Protein backbone atom coordinates (compact mmCIF):
# COMPACT_ATOMS: atom_id res chain seq x y z
CA UNK A 1 5.77 -50.43 79.41
CA UNK A 2 4.61 -48.30 82.40
CA UNK A 3 8.18 -46.94 82.91
CA UNK A 4 9.90 -50.44 83.06
CA UNK A 5 13.50 -50.47 81.28
CA UNK A 6 14.17 -53.39 80.00
CA UNK A 7 17.20 -55.86 81.39
CA UNK A 8 19.47 -54.46 78.80
CA UNK A 9 18.90 -50.99 79.53
CA UNK A 10 20.09 -51.48 82.83
CA UNK A 11 23.67 -51.77 81.95
CA UNK A 12 25.86 -50.01 84.73
CA UNK A 13 27.62 -46.80 83.54
CA UNK A 14 31.45 -47.34 82.97
CA UNK A 15 33.52 -45.48 86.20
CA UNK A 16 34.81 -42.35 85.62
CA UNK A 17 38.12 -41.09 86.68
CA UNK A 18 36.17 -38.47 88.89
CA UNK A 19 33.96 -40.84 90.38
CA UNK A 20 36.86 -43.08 91.16
CA UNK A 21 38.33 -40.68 92.29
CA UNK A 22 35.36 -39.50 94.79
CA UNK A 23 35.10 -42.68 95.75
CA UNK A 24 38.79 -43.13 97.21
CA UNK A 25 38.02 -39.87 98.86
CA UNK A 26 35.35 -41.02 100.73
CA UNK A 27 37.43 -44.08 102.06
CA UNK A 28 40.42 -42.02 103.09
CA UNK A 29 38.06 -39.83 105.18
CA UNK A 30 36.47 -42.44 106.40
CA UNK A 31 39.73 -44.10 107.93
CA UNK A 32 40.76 -40.45 108.84
CA UNK A 33 37.78 -40.09 111.51
CA UNK A 34 38.01 -43.18 112.18
CA UNK A 35 41.59 -42.41 113.40
CA UNK A 36 40.63 -39.23 114.93
CA UNK A 37 37.45 -41.08 117.15
CA UNK A 38 40.80 -43.70 117.98
CA UNK A 39 42.88 -41.01 119.41
CA UNK A 40 39.75 -39.49 121.23
CA UNK A 41 39.23 -42.70 123.02
CA UNK A 42 42.59 -43.04 123.83
CA UNK A 43 42.32 -39.59 125.30
CA UNK A 44 39.92 -40.10 127.23
CA UNK A 45 41.19 -43.37 128.48
CA UNK A 46 44.46 -41.29 129.31
CA UNK A 47 42.66 -38.83 131.44
CA UNK A 48 40.76 -41.38 133.23
CA UNK A 49 43.93 -43.04 134.69
CA UNK A 50 44.65 -39.63 135.50
CA UNK A 51 41.45 -39.02 137.64
CA UNK A 52 42.06 -42.65 139.35
CA UNK A 53 45.65 -41.54 140.43
CA UNK A 54 43.75 -38.27 142.38
CA UNK A 55 41.03 -40.48 144.05
CA UNK A 56 43.26 -40.44 147.51
CA UNK A 57 43.96 -36.37 146.94
CA UNK A 58 40.39 -35.76 146.75
CA UNK A 59 39.24 -38.69 149.68
CA UNK A 60 41.54 -36.15 151.74
CA UNK A 61 40.01 -33.32 150.82
CA UNK A 62 37.11 -32.18 153.54
CA UNK A 63 33.41 -32.66 153.14
CA UNK A 64 32.32 -29.15 153.94
CA UNK A 65 34.79 -27.86 151.18
CA UNK A 66 32.94 -27.46 148.09
CA UNK A 67 35.61 -26.06 145.91
CA UNK A 68 36.24 -28.75 143.89
CA UNK A 69 34.14 -30.16 140.96
CA UNK A 70 36.74 -33.26 139.25
CA UNK A 71 35.48 -35.19 136.66
CA UNK A 72 36.47 -35.67 133.05
CA UNK A 73 34.02 -33.73 130.03
CA UNK A 74 33.91 -35.37 126.82
CA UNK A 75 33.55 -32.79 124.23
CA UNK A 76 35.61 -32.14 121.58
CA UNK A 77 38.79 -31.54 123.69
CA UNK A 78 38.60 -33.74 126.18
CA UNK A 79 39.17 -32.64 130.13
CA UNK A 80 39.40 -33.52 133.26
CA UNK A 81 38.52 -30.73 135.45
CA UNK A 82 39.69 -29.83 138.89
CA UNK A 83 37.59 -27.08 139.85
CA UNK A 84 36.20 -24.55 137.69
CA UNK A 85 38.77 -22.77 136.70
CA UNK A 86 41.48 -25.25 136.37
CA UNK A 87 41.47 -28.79 134.62
CA UNK A 88 43.77 -31.00 132.54
CA UNK A 89 43.92 -31.62 128.76
CA UNK A 90 46.08 -33.54 126.50
CA UNK A 91 48.75 -31.52 124.54
CA UNK A 92 49.21 -31.62 120.94
CA UNK A 93 51.09 -34.74 120.91
CA UNK A 94 48.31 -36.87 122.76
CA UNK A 95 50.74 -38.49 125.25
CA UNK A 96 51.92 -34.84 127.27
CA UNK A 97 49.54 -33.61 130.40
CA UNK A 98 48.80 -29.93 130.48
CA UNK A 99 47.36 -28.92 133.63
CA UNK A 100 45.78 -25.13 132.91
CA UNK A 101 44.11 -22.90 134.74
CA UNK A 102 41.98 -20.24 133.10
CA UNK A 103 42.77 -16.84 134.62
CA UNK A 104 41.64 -13.18 133.45
CA UNK A 105 44.47 -12.73 131.45
CA UNK A 106 44.01 -15.95 129.60
CA UNK A 107 45.17 -19.21 130.10
CA UNK A 108 48.24 -20.23 132.07
CA UNK A 109 50.27 -23.64 132.06
CA UNK A 110 50.62 -24.55 135.37
CA UNK A 111 52.63 -28.07 134.36
CA UNK A 112 53.03 -30.39 131.65
CA UNK A 113 54.05 -33.51 131.57
CA UNK A 114 54.34 -37.29 130.15
CA UNK A 115 53.87 -38.60 133.96
CA UNK A 116 50.98 -39.17 135.60
CA UNK A 117 52.41 -38.83 138.95
CA UNK A 118 54.57 -35.33 138.05
CA UNK A 119 50.79 -34.25 136.90
CA UNK A 120 49.23 -35.87 140.33
CA UNK A 121 51.91 -33.59 142.60
CA UNK A 122 51.34 -30.29 140.49
CA UNK A 123 47.44 -30.82 141.21
CA UNK A 124 48.16 -31.56 144.84
CA UNK A 125 50.01 -28.51 145.08
CA UNK A 126 47.47 -26.11 143.34
CA UNK A 127 44.40 -27.92 145.74
CA UNK A 128 46.81 -27.22 148.61
CA UNK A 129 46.70 -23.37 147.95
CA UNK A 130 43.41 -23.31 147.08
CA UNK A 131 42.46 -24.48 150.41
CA UNK A 132 45.06 -22.16 151.90
CA UNK A 133 43.57 -19.60 149.87
CA UNK A 134 39.95 -20.19 151.22
CA UNK A 135 41.16 -20.69 154.96
CA UNK A 136 42.37 -17.04 154.97
CA UNK A 137 39.14 -16.01 153.58
CA UNK A 138 37.45 -17.07 156.33
CA UNK A 139 39.60 -16.35 158.55
CA UNK A 140 38.87 -12.74 159.18
CA UNK A 141 37.61 -11.85 162.70
CA UNK A 142 34.57 -10.26 161.64
CA UNK A 143 32.01 -12.55 159.72
CA UNK A 144 31.39 -12.67 156.37
CA UNK A 145 30.51 -9.50 154.87
CA UNK A 146 30.49 -7.44 158.08
CA UNK A 147 33.93 -5.92 157.40
CA UNK A 148 32.39 -4.61 154.15
CA UNK A 149 29.28 -3.38 155.85
CA UNK A 150 31.26 -1.61 158.31
CA UNK A 151 33.51 0.35 156.34
CA UNK A 152 30.19 1.39 153.49
CA UNK A 153 28.73 2.55 157.11
CA UNK A 154 32.00 4.60 157.77
CA UNK A 155 32.22 6.06 154.44
CA UNK A 156 28.49 7.17 154.44
CA UNK A 157 28.64 8.91 157.81
CA UNK A 158 31.78 10.70 156.66
CA UNK A 159 29.40 11.80 153.86
CA UNK A 160 26.86 12.76 155.64
CA UNK A 161 28.79 14.95 158.15
CA UNK A 162 30.35 16.68 154.85
CA UNK A 163 26.82 16.78 153.37
CA UNK A 164 25.68 18.77 156.78
CA UNK A 165 28.73 21.40 156.75
CA UNK A 166 28.33 22.19 153.08
CA UNK A 167 24.23 22.79 153.75
CA UNK A 168 25.35 24.74 156.74
CA UNK A 169 28.05 26.61 154.81
CA UNK A 170 25.04 27.07 152.04
CA UNK A 171 22.27 28.69 154.57
CA UNK A 172 25.09 31.44 156.22
CA UNK A 173 26.02 32.33 152.91
CA UNK A 174 22.49 32.43 151.98
CA UNK A 175 21.12 34.03 154.84
CA UNK A 176 24.08 37.13 154.37
CA UNK A 177 23.20 37.67 151.19
CA UNK A 178 19.31 37.76 152.30
CA UNK A 179 20.37 40.30 154.92
CA UNK A 180 22.48 42.64 152.77
CA UNK A 181 19.75 42.33 149.94
CA UNK A 182 17.12 43.53 152.89
CA UNK A 183 19.38 46.34 153.90
CA UNK A 184 20.09 47.78 150.75
CA UNK A 185 16.17 47.75 149.91
CA UNK A 186 15.34 49.58 153.73
CA UNK A 187 17.96 52.12 153.43
CA UNK A 188 16.52 54.75 151.43
CA UNK A 189 19.57 56.50 148.65
CA UNK A 190 20.09 60.17 149.85
């Protein structure tokens, strides 16, 4: 009554081959996703070890230099960021460190190694090069932006002189044309 089934009507269906196969596929997928999570955790752990090995290097960088922003990101591909354009990621075998830099032409691999000290040396060279580039940019004799402003001022002055000469020549040509026209109008024809 009221739609309830009797106890003898609640017999489970015998498993079919498809149901068994789907169940096995779900179990395999769960095991694989567990392996993927384990691999990602292993990548993060290796990147954290490298991050700890970089502590002495980043302690030596002067406090007024804000070029570098180090940290581990935990996305689909975990990365240890050195600055905005350079980071370390794990290679295909998940044991090899790959230090890469994003450029306008694509990603450039700066160093690859299974060993942390080798990657630390590569990052140290990279940081040194970036510091030298920064020092060169700041070593200009003129204050920041003043050299560009002086070049623009010189360019505008040159354009102004050319504009004045062009206006003078147009004025001379128009004056001569007007005088010629007046001379033709005032001169009676014979």
